[in-house]
Amino acid sequence: MEGCARRSERDYLQFVTIAIGSASEVRYLTDLAMRLEVANVTDGERLKVGYGRVVKALQALVTSLSSPEARGPRPEAP
């Protein structure tokens, strides 16, 4: 994944969010290819299942990174 070398979780989270958008583009193009009869329905449906798994995993990662526990303990006030 492109963002894995980022220095902060915030930067990494941005790249994960971009990956979700890219996956959505793949879903749209899969639907378009099936409507235009460029891709067969069986392959298109298989891609949609894979898309669902990928997006679900990415969304879980976003949730995990966005949770207060993921950010670690906050420094105490002076």
N, C-alpha and C. Protein backbone atom coordinates (compact mmCIF):
# COMPACT_ATOMS: atom_id res chain seq x y z
N MET A 1 0.84 -1.16 0.00
CA MET A 1 0.00 0.00 0.00
C MET A 1 0.90 1.24 0.00
N GLU A 2 0.52 2.17 -0.78
CA GLU A 2 1.33 3.37 -1.00
C GLU A 2 1.64 4.14 0.27
N GLY A 3 0.70 4.22 1.18
CA GLY A 3 0.88 5.06 2.36
C GLY A 3 1.58 4.40 3.53
N CYS A 4 2.00 3.14 3.39
CA CYS A 4 2.54 2.41 4.55
C CYS A 4 3.84 3.00 5.08
N ALA A 5 4.55 3.78 4.30
CA ALA A 5 5.81 4.35 4.77
C ALA A 5 5.63 5.75 5.35
N ARG A 6 4.41 6.18 5.50
CA ARG A 6 4.16 7.52 6.04
C ARG A 6 4.55 7.57 7.51
N ARG A 7 4.95 8.73 7.95
CA ARG A 7 5.47 8.88 9.31
C ARG A 7 4.38 8.99 10.37
N SER A 8 3.22 9.44 10.02
CA SER A 8 2.18 9.61 11.04
C SER A 8 0.95 8.78 10.69
N GLU A 9 0.19 8.45 11.71
CA GLU A 9 -1.04 7.70 11.49
C GLU A 9 -2.03 8.54 10.69
N ARG A 10 -2.00 9.84 10.88
CA ARG A 10 -2.90 10.72 10.14
C ARG A 10 -2.63 10.62 8.63
N ASP A 11 -1.35 10.65 8.25
CA ASP A 11 -1.00 10.50 6.84
C ASP A 11 -1.42 9.13 6.31
N TYR A 12 -1.16 8.10 7.11
CA TYR A 12 -1.52 6.74 6.72
C TYR A 12 -3.03 6.62 6.54
N LEU A 13 -3.79 7.22 7.46
CA LEU A 13 -5.25 7.19 7.38
C LEU A 13 -5.73 7.85 6.10
N GLN A 14 -5.07 8.93 5.70
CA GLN A 14 -5.45 9.60 4.45
C GLN A 14 -5.28 8.65 3.26
N PHE A 15 -4.17 7.90 3.23
CA PHE A 15 -3.94 6.98 2.13
C PHE A 15 -4.92 5.80 2.15
N VAL A 16 -5.31 5.36 3.33
CA VAL A 16 -6.31 4.30 3.42
C VAL A 16 -7.65 4.81 2.88
N THR A 17 -7.98 6.04 3.21
CA THR A 17 -9.21 6.64 2.69
C THR A 17 -9.16 6.76 1.16
N ILE A 18 -8.03 7.12 0.63
CA ILE A 18 -7.86 7.19 -0.83
C ILE A 18 -8.04 5.80 -1.44
N ALA A 19 -7.53 4.78 -0.76
CA ALA A 19 -7.67 3.40 -1.25
C ALA A 19 -9.14 3.00 -1.32
N ILE A 20 -9.94 3.45 -0.36
CA ILE A 20 -11.39 3.16 -0.41
C ILE A 20 -12.00 3.82 -1.64
N GLY A 21 -11.60 5.04 -1.92
CA GLY A 21 -12.09 5.73 -3.11
C GLY A 21 -11.68 5.01 -4.39
N SER A 22 -10.46 4.53 -4.43
CA SER A 22 -9.99 3.78 -5.60
C SER A 22 -10.78 2.49 -5.78
N ALA A 23 -11.07 1.83 -4.67
CA ALA A 23 -11.87 0.60 -4.74
C ALA A 23 -13.26 0.91 -5.28
N SER A 24 -13.81 2.04 -4.89
CA SER A 24 -15.13 2.44 -5.39
C SER A 24 -15.10 2.68 -6.90
N GLU A 25 -14.00 3.22 -7.38
CA GLU A 25 -13.85 3.40 -8.83
C GLU A 25 -13.83 2.05 -9.55
N VAL A 26 -13.15 1.09 -8.96
CA VAL A 26 -13.12 -0.26 -9.55
C VAL A 26 -14.53 -0.84 -9.59
N ARG A 27 -15.28 -0.64 -8.53
CA ARG A 27 -16.67 -1.14 -8.48
C ARG A 27 -17.49 -0.50 -9.60
N TYR A 28 -17.37 0.80 -9.75
CA TYR A 28 -18.11 1.50 -10.80
C TYR A 28 -17.72 0.97 -12.18
N LEU A 29 -16.43 0.84 -12.43
CA LEU A 29 -15.96 0.37 -13.74
C LEU A 29 -16.38 -1.07 -14.01
N THR A 30 -16.45 -1.88 -12.95
CA THR A 30 -16.94 -3.25 -13.10
C THR A 30 -18.40 -3.24 -13.53
N ASP A 31 -19.20 -2.43 -12.85
CA ASP A 31 -20.62 -2.32 -13.23
C ASP A 31 -20.78 -1.81 -14.66
N LEU A 32 -19.99 -0.82 -15.03
CA LEU A 32 -20.05 -0.28 -16.38
C LEU A 32 -19.68 -1.34 -17.41
N ALA A 33 -18.62 -2.07 -17.16
CA ALA A 33 -18.18 -3.11 -18.09
C ALA A 33 -19.25 -4.18 -18.26
N MET A 34 -19.95 -4.51 -17.18
CA MET A 34 -21.02 -5.51 -17.30
C MET A 34 -22.20 -4.94 -18.08
N ARG A 35 -22.55 -3.67 -17.83
CA ARG A 35 -23.67 -3.06 -18.57
C ARG A 35 -23.36 -2.96 -20.06
N LEU A 36 -22.10 -2.68 -20.38
CA LEU A 36 -21.70 -2.57 -21.78
C LEU A 36 -21.40 -3.93 -22.41
N GLU A 37 -21.52 -4.97 -21.58
CA GLU A 37 -21.28 -6.35 -22.00
C GLU A 37 -19.84 -6.57 -22.47
N VAL A 38 -18.92 -5.84 -21.85
CA VAL A 38 -17.50 -6.01 -22.12
C VAL A 38 -16.94 -7.09 -21.19
N ALA A 39 -17.51 -7.19 -20.00
CA ALA A 39 -17.13 -8.22 -19.03
C ALA A 39 -18.32 -9.14 -18.83
N ASN A 40 -18.02 -10.43 -18.61
CA ASN A 40 -19.15 -11.32 -18.39
C ASN A 40 -19.65 -11.19 -16.95
N VAL A 41 -20.88 -11.56 -16.73
CA VAL A 41 -21.55 -11.38 -15.45
C VAL A 41 -20.86 -12.18 -14.34
N THR A 42 -20.43 -13.39 -14.64
CA THR A 42 -19.78 -14.22 -13.62
C THR A 42 -18.52 -13.55 -13.08
N ASP A 43 -17.67 -13.08 -13.97
CA ASP A 43 -16.45 -12.39 -13.52
C ASP A 43 -16.78 -11.09 -12.79
N GLY A 44 -17.77 -10.38 -13.28
CA GLY A 44 -18.17 -9.13 -12.64
C GLY A 44 -18.67 -9.35 -11.23
N GLU A 45 -19.49 -10.39 -11.05
CA GLU A 45 -20.00 -10.68 -9.72
C GLU A 45 -18.87 -11.12 -8.79
N ARG A 46 -17.92 -11.86 -9.30
CA ARG A 46 -16.77 -12.28 -8.49
C ARG A 46 -15.95 -11.05 -8.06
N LEU A 47 -15.80 -10.11 -8.97
CA LEU A 47 -15.08 -8.87 -8.62
C LEU A 47 -15.83 -8.07 -7.55
N LYS A 48 -17.15 -8.06 -7.64
CA LYS A 48 -17.94 -7.33 -6.65
C LYS A 48 -17.78 -7.94 -5.26
N VAL A 49 -17.72 -9.26 -5.19
CA VAL A 49 -17.51 -9.92 -3.90
C VAL A 49 -16.14 -9.53 -3.34
N GLY A 50 -15.13 -9.56 -4.18
CA GLY A 50 -13.79 -9.15 -3.75
C GLY A 50 -13.76 -7.70 -3.32
N TYR A 51 -14.46 -6.85 -4.06
CA TYR A 51 -14.56 -5.44 -3.71
C TYR A 51 -15.15 -5.28 -2.31
N GLY A 52 -16.21 -6.02 -2.05
CA GLY A 52 -16.86 -5.94 -0.74
C GLY A 52 -15.91 -6.31 0.39
N ARG A 53 -15.13 -7.34 0.18
CA ARG A 53 -14.16 -7.76 1.20
C ARG A 53 -13.08 -6.71 1.42
N VAL A 54 -12.57 -6.17 0.33
CA VAL A 54 -11.50 -5.17 0.43
C VAL A 54 -12.01 -3.92 1.14
N VAL A 55 -13.16 -3.42 0.73
CA VAL A 55 -13.70 -2.20 1.33
C VAL A 55 -14.02 -2.42 2.80
N LYS A 56 -14.57 -3.57 3.13
CA LYS A 56 -14.88 -3.87 4.53
C LYS A 56 -13.60 -3.85 5.37
N ALA A 57 -12.54 -4.46 4.86
CA ALA A 57 -11.26 -4.47 5.59
C ALA A 57 -10.69 -3.06 5.71
N LEU A 58 -10.75 -2.27 4.64
CA LEU A 58 -10.24 -0.91 4.69
C LEU A 58 -11.04 -0.04 5.66
N GLN A 59 -12.36 -0.22 5.67
CA GLN A 59 -13.18 0.55 6.59
C GLN A 59 -12.89 0.16 8.04
N ALA A 60 -12.64 -1.12 8.28
CA ALA A 60 -12.27 -1.56 9.63
C ALA A 60 -10.94 -0.93 10.04
N LEU A 61 -10.02 -0.82 9.09
CA LEU A 61 -8.73 -0.19 9.38
C LEU A 61 -8.92 1.29 9.71
N VAL A 62 -9.77 1.97 8.96
CA VAL A 62 -10.06 3.38 9.23
C VAL A 62 -10.65 3.52 10.63
N THR A 63 -11.59 2.67 10.97
CA THR A 63 -12.21 2.71 12.30
C THR A 63 -11.17 2.48 13.38
N SER A 64 -10.31 1.52 13.15
CA SER A 64 -9.26 1.21 14.12
C SER A 64 -8.30 2.38 14.31
N LEU A 65 -7.90 2.98 13.21
CA LEU A 65 -6.96 4.10 13.29
C LEU A 65 -7.61 5.36 13.85
N SER A 66 -8.92 5.47 13.71
CA SER A 66 -9.63 6.65 14.17
C SER A 66 -10.03 6.57 15.64
N SER A 67 -9.95 5.38 16.23
CA SER A 67 -10.38 5.22 17.61
C SER A 67 -9.38 5.85 18.57
N PRO A 68 -9.86 6.33 19.71
CA PRO A 68 -8.95 6.94 20.69
C PRO A 68 -7.87 5.97 21.16
N GLU A 69 -8.19 4.68 21.24
CA GLU A 69 -7.20 3.69 21.68
C GLU A 69 -6.04 3.60 20.69
N ALA A 70 -6.31 3.80 19.41
CA ALA A 70 -5.27 3.70 18.39
C ALA A 70 -4.27 4.85 18.51
N ARG A 71 -4.74 5.97 19.04
CA ARG A 71 -3.87 7.13 19.16
C ARG A 71 -2.93 7.05 20.35
N GLY A 72 -3.18 6.11 21.22
CA GLY A 72 -2.31 5.93 22.37
C GLY A 72 -2.67 6.90 23.49
N PRO A 73 -1.96 6.79 24.59
CA PRO A 73 -2.26 7.65 25.74
C PRO A 73 -1.92 9.10 25.44
N ARG A 74 -2.70 9.97 25.98
CA ARG A 74 -2.44 11.39 25.81
C ARG A 74 -1.48 11.86 26.89
N PRO A 75 -0.60 12.77 26.54
CA PRO A 75 0.34 13.27 27.55
C PRO A 75 -0.42 14.02 28.63
N GLU A 76 0.09 13.92 29.83
CA GLU A 76 -0.53 14.64 30.95
C GLU A 76 -0.23 16.12 30.83
N ALA A 77 -1.18 16.92 31.27
CA ALA A 77 -0.99 18.38 31.26
C ALA A 77 0.05 18.76 32.31
N PRO A 78 0.86 19.76 32.02
CA PRO A 78 1.90 20.17 32.98
C PRO A 78 1.33 20.81 34.22
